[in-house]
Amino acid sequence: MTDQKLRTILQEYGLKATYQRMAVLEYLATNKTHPTAEMIHEDLNNISLATVYNTLDKLIETGLIIAIDIHDDGKRHFDYYGEPHYHIINQQTSEIIDADNFDMAPLFDAARKASGLNITGYHIEIFGVNPEDS
């Protein structure tokens, strides 16, 4: 992702395009590993761990990224939400799998009917285990 694209994305979300924000956002946009803050810091070691945490908090606050809490590993993982998708979490391995093979329109329609609200977004995590182990 180009610096200009990163700047544009951050500005669209009302954020100043600092070096740290651009670096963390680019890392999340280009890595599909759903890293923890510690993993990000390990790869971007020119940014302090505290700054990584602060940057992640700010990006979450604006809705640009999401946090995925996996209860089994007790760690918070992060994901850039540039393209709508949901997550499937393997409860045995804590692997997070991105999936976009489901039409969310019927779910949005049902949610709108149930609540009377205009649906503006979603965050879905589905948990599963290997069928051979259940």
C-alpha atoms as a PDB file:
ATOM      1  CA  MET A   1       0.000   0.000   0.000  1.00  0.00           C
ATOM      2  CA  THR A   2       1.442   3.390  -0.972  1.00  0.00           C
ATOM      3  CA  ASP A   3       2.134   6.153   1.535  1.00  0.00           C
ATOM      4  CA  GLN A   4      -0.471   8.310  -0.205  1.00  0.00           C
ATOM      5  CA  LYS A   5      -3.114   5.576   0.111  1.00  0.00           C
ATOM      6  CA  LEU A   6      -2.286   5.146   3.815  1.00  0.00           C
ATOM      7  CA  ARG A   7      -2.500   8.921   4.374  1.00  0.00           C
ATOM      8  CA  THR A   8      -5.839   9.060   2.580  1.00  0.00           C
ATOM      9  CA  ILE A   9      -7.297   6.194   4.622  1.00  0.00           C
ATOM     10  CA  LEU A  10      -6.171   7.721   7.916  1.00  0.00           C
ATOM     11  CA  GLN A  11      -7.480  11.159   6.959  1.00  0.00           C
ATOM     12  CA  GLU A  12     -10.843   9.680   5.900  1.00  0.00           C
ATOM     13  CA  TYR A  13     -11.137   8.382   9.456  1.00  0.00           C
ATOM     14  CA  GLY A  14     -10.208  11.760  10.914  1.00  0.00           C
ATOM     15  CA  LEU A  15      -6.696  10.781  11.952  1.00  0.00           C
ATOM     16  CA  LYS A  16      -3.415  12.573  11.439  1.00  0.00           C
ATOM     17  CA  ALA A  17      -1.138  10.470   9.231  1.00  0.00           C
ATOM     18  CA  THR A  18       1.797   9.961  11.599  1.00  0.00           C
ATOM     19  CA  TYR A  19       4.672   7.634  10.752  1.00  0.00           C
ATOM     20  CA  GLN A  20       3.595   5.215  13.503  1.00  0.00           C
ATOM     21  CA  ARG A  21      -0.034   5.050  12.366  1.00  0.00           C
ATOM     22  CA  MET A  22       1.003   4.558   8.756  1.00  0.00           C
ATOM     23  CA  ALA A  23       3.461   1.810   9.689  1.00  0.00           C
ATOM     24  CA  VAL A  24       0.999  -0.099  11.885  1.00  0.00           C
ATOM     25  CA  LEU A  25      -1.847   0.262   9.382  1.00  0.00           C
ATOM     26  CA  GLU A  26       0.342  -0.908   6.500  1.00  0.00           C
ATOM     27  CA  TYR A  27       1.520  -3.855   8.600  1.00  0.00           C
ATOM     28  CA  LEU A  28      -2.060  -4.917   9.337  1.00  0.00           C
ATOM     29  CA  ALA A  29      -3.218  -4.352   5.749  1.00  0.00           C
ATOM     30  CA  THR A  30      -0.427  -6.468   4.287  1.00  0.00           C
ATOM     31  CA  ASN A  31      -0.186  -9.237   6.914  1.00  0.00           C
ATOM     32  CA  LYS A  32      -3.076 -11.679   7.162  1.00  0.00           C
ATOM     33  CA  THR A  33      -1.766 -13.288  10.346  1.00  0.00           C
ATOM     34  CA  HIS A  34      -4.015 -11.377  12.793  1.00  0.00           C
ATOM     35  CA  PRO A  35      -1.013 -10.387  14.907  1.00  0.00           C
ATOM     36  CA  THR A  36      -0.861  -9.373  18.542  1.00  0.00           C
ATOM     37  CA  ALA A  37       0.656  -6.038  19.582  1.00  0.00           C
ATOM     38  CA  GLU A  38       3.806  -7.876  20.592  1.00  0.00           C
ATOM     39  CA  MET A  39       4.111  -9.476  17.143  1.00  0.00           C
ATOM     40  CA  ILE A  40       3.687  -6.084  15.477  1.00  0.00           C
ATOM     41  CA  HIS A  41       6.334  -4.577  17.758  1.00  0.00           C
ATOM     42  CA  GLU A  42       8.714  -7.432  17.019  1.00  0.00           C
ATOM     43  CA  ASP A  43       8.508  -6.682  13.292  1.00  0.00           C
ATOM     44  CA  LEU A  44       8.330  -2.883  13.664  1.00  0.00           C
ATOM     45  CA  ASN A  45      10.966  -2.667  16.370  1.00  0.00           C
ATOM     46  CA  ASN A  46      11.706   1.004  15.628  1.00  0.00           C
ATOM     47  CA  ILE A  47       8.328   1.794  17.247  1.00  0.00           C
ATOM     48  CA  SER A  48       8.041   1.311  20.997  1.00  0.00           C
ATOM     49  CA  LEU A  49       5.595  -1.266  22.322  1.00  0.00           C
ATOM     50  CA  ALA A  50       3.682   1.477  24.164  1.00  0.00           C
ATOM     51  CA  THR A  51       3.301   3.415  20.909  1.00  0.00           C
ATOM     52  CA  VAL A  52       2.126   0.260  19.121  1.00  0.00           C
ATOM     53  CA  TYR A  53      -0.563  -0.215  21.802  1.00  0.00           C
ATOM     54  CA  ASN A  54      -1.578   3.457  21.675  1.00  0.00           C
ATOM     55  CA  THR A  55      -1.739   3.383  17.875  1.00  0.00           C
ATOM     56  CA  LEU A  56      -3.833   0.200  17.885  1.00  0.00           C
ATOM     57  CA  ASP A  57      -6.221   1.731  20.431  1.00  0.00           C
ATOM     58  CA  LYS A  58      -6.678   4.824  18.259  1.00  0.00           C
ATOM     59  CA  LEU A  59      -7.225   2.761  15.083  1.00  0.00           C
ATOM     60  CA  ILE A  60      -9.806   0.614  16.913  1.00  0.00           C
ATOM     61  CA  GLU A  61     -11.541   3.699  18.317  1.00  0.00           C
ATOM     62  CA  THR A  62     -12.085   5.034  14.790  1.00  0.00           C
ATOM     63  CA  GLY A  63     -13.226   1.659  13.418  1.00  0.00           C
ATOM     64  CA  LEU A  64     -10.351   1.337  10.983  1.00  0.00           C
ATOM     65  CA  ILE A  65      -9.164  -1.914  12.548  1.00  0.00           C
ATOM     66  CA  ILE A  66     -10.760  -4.442  14.844  1.00  0.00           C
ATOM     67  CA  ALA A  67      -9.573  -6.409  17.847  1.00  0.00           C
ATOM     68  CA  ILE A  68     -10.226 -10.122  17.993  1.00  0.00           C
ATOM     69  CA  ASP A  69     -10.149 -11.617  21.453  1.00  0.00           C
ATOM     70  CA  ILE A  70      -9.357 -15.311  21.454  1.00  0.00           C
ATOM     71  CA  HIS A  71     -10.224 -16.644  24.835  1.00  0.00           C
ATOM     72  CA  ASP A  72      -8.044 -19.735  24.496  1.00  0.00           C
ATOM     73  CA  ASP A  73      -4.750 -17.896  24.073  1.00  0.00           C
ATOM     74  CA  GLY A  74      -5.707 -14.904  26.240  1.00  0.00           C
ATOM     75  CA  LYS A  75      -4.279 -12.496  23.685  1.00  0.00           C
ATOM     76  CA  ARG A  76      -5.810  -9.745  21.641  1.00  0.00           C
ATOM     77  CA  HIS A  77      -5.264 -10.032  17.897  1.00  0.00           C
ATOM     78  CA  PHE A  78      -5.762  -7.235  15.372  1.00  0.00           C
ATOM     79  CA  ASP A  79      -7.092  -7.033  11.831  1.00  0.00           C
ATOM     80  CA  TYR A  80      -7.445  -4.333   9.197  1.00  0.00           C
ATOM     81  CA  TYR A  81     -11.068  -4.260   8.146  1.00  0.00           C
ATOM     82  CA  GLY A  82     -10.597  -2.841   4.659  1.00  0.00           C
ATOM     83  CA  GLU A  83     -12.684  -5.519   2.980  1.00  0.00           C
ATOM     84  CA  PRO A  84     -15.795  -6.792   4.791  1.00  0.00           C
ATOM     85  CA  HIS A  85     -15.287 -10.310   6.106  1.00  0.00           C
ATOM     86  CA  TYR A  86     -15.927 -12.460   9.134  1.00  0.00           C
ATOM     87  CA  HIS A  87     -13.635 -14.647  11.217  1.00  0.00           C
ATOM     88  CA  ILE A  88     -13.680 -18.354  11.924  1.00  0.00           C
ATOM     89  CA  ILE A  89     -11.642 -19.265  14.983  1.00  0.00           C
ATOM     90  CA  ASN A  90     -10.299 -22.768  15.486  1.00  0.00           C
ATOM     91  CA  GLN A  91     -10.777 -23.321  19.214  1.00  0.00           C
ATOM     92  CA  GLN A  92      -8.097 -25.989  19.322  1.00  0.00           C
ATOM     93  CA  THR A  93      -5.292 -24.120  17.562  1.00  0.00           C
ATOM     94  CA  SER A  94      -6.452 -20.476  17.995  1.00  0.00           C
ATOM     95  CA  GLU A  95      -6.017 -20.007  14.237  1.00  0.00           C
ATOM     96  CA  ILE A  96      -8.084 -17.113  12.868  1.00  0.00           C
ATOM     97  CA  ILE A  97      -9.391 -17.660   9.356  1.00  0.00           C
ATOM     98  CA  ASP A  98     -10.750 -14.810   7.211  1.00  0.00           C
ATOM     99  CA  ALA A  99     -13.890 -15.651   5.237  1.00  0.00           C
ATOM    100  CA  ASP A 100     -16.081 -13.621   2.916  1.00  0.00           C
ATOM    101  CA  ASN A 101     -18.169 -16.388   1.356  1.00  0.00           C
ATOM    102  CA  PHE A 102     -21.470 -15.401   2.936  1.00  0.00           C
ATOM    103  CA  ASP A 103     -24.010 -12.826   1.800  1.00  0.00           C
ATOM    104  CA  MET A 104     -24.622 -10.658   4.856  1.00  0.00           C
ATOM    105  CA  ALA A 105     -27.707  -8.937   3.348  1.00  0.00           C
ATOM    106  CA  PRO A 106     -30.245 -11.386   4.872  1.00  0.00           C
ATOM    107  CA  LEU A 107     -28.626 -10.986   8.292  1.00  0.00           C
ATOM    108  CA  PHE A 108     -28.674  -7.181   7.959  1.00  0.00           C
ATOM    109  CA  ASP A 109     -32.346  -7.303   6.906  1.00  0.00           C
ATOM    110  CA  ALA A 110     -33.217  -9.491   9.888  1.00  0.00           C
ATOM    111  CA  ALA A 111     -31.278  -7.218  12.266  1.00  0.00           C
ATOM    112  CA  ARG A 112     -32.957  -4.119  10.833  1.00  0.00           C
ATOM    113  CA  LYS A 113     -36.416  -5.712  11.231  1.00  0.00           C
ATOM    114  CA  ALA A 114     -35.671  -6.852  14.783  1.00  0.00           C
ATOM    115  CA  SER A 115     -34.244  -3.527  15.936  1.00  0.00           C
ATOM    116  CA  GLY A 116     -35.570  -0.804  13.656  1.00  0.00           C
ATOM    117  CA  LEU A 117     -31.991   0.434  13.257  1.00  0.00           C
ATOM    118  CA  ASN A 118     -30.036   1.152  10.101  1.00  0.00           C
ATOM    119  CA  ILE A 119     -27.243  -1.405  10.150  1.00  0.00           C
ATOM    120  CA  THR A 120     -23.886   0.298   9.635  1.00  0.00           C
ATOM    121  CA  GLY A 121     -21.460  -2.582  10.040  1.00  0.00           C
ATOM    122  CA  TYR A 122     -20.726  -5.907  11.592  1.00  0.00           C
ATOM    123  CA  HIS A 123     -18.099  -7.931  13.417  1.00  0.00           C
ATOM    124  CA  ILE A 124     -18.711 -11.661  13.414  1.00  0.00           C
ATOM    125  CA  GLU A 125     -16.595 -14.399  14.964  1.00  0.00           C
ATOM    126  CA  ILE A 126     -17.551 -18.023  14.501  1.00  0.00           C
ATOM    127  CA  PHE A 127     -15.889 -20.689  16.622  1.00  0.00           C
ATOM    128  CA  GLY A 128     -15.272 -24.289  15.631  1.00  0.00           C
ATOM    129  CA  VAL A 129     -13.265 -27.436  16.182  1.00  0.00           C
ATOM    130  CA  ASN A 130     -11.932 -30.084  13.829  1.00  0.00           C
ATOM    131  CA  PRO A 131     -14.778 -32.605  13.247  1.00  0.00           C
ATOM    132  CA  GLU A 132     -12.390 -35.493  13.865  1.00  0.00           C
ATOM    133  CA  ASP A 133     -11.668 -34.183  17.359  1.00  0.00           C
ATOM    134  CA  SER A 134     -15.218 -33.446  18.507  1.00  0.00           C
END
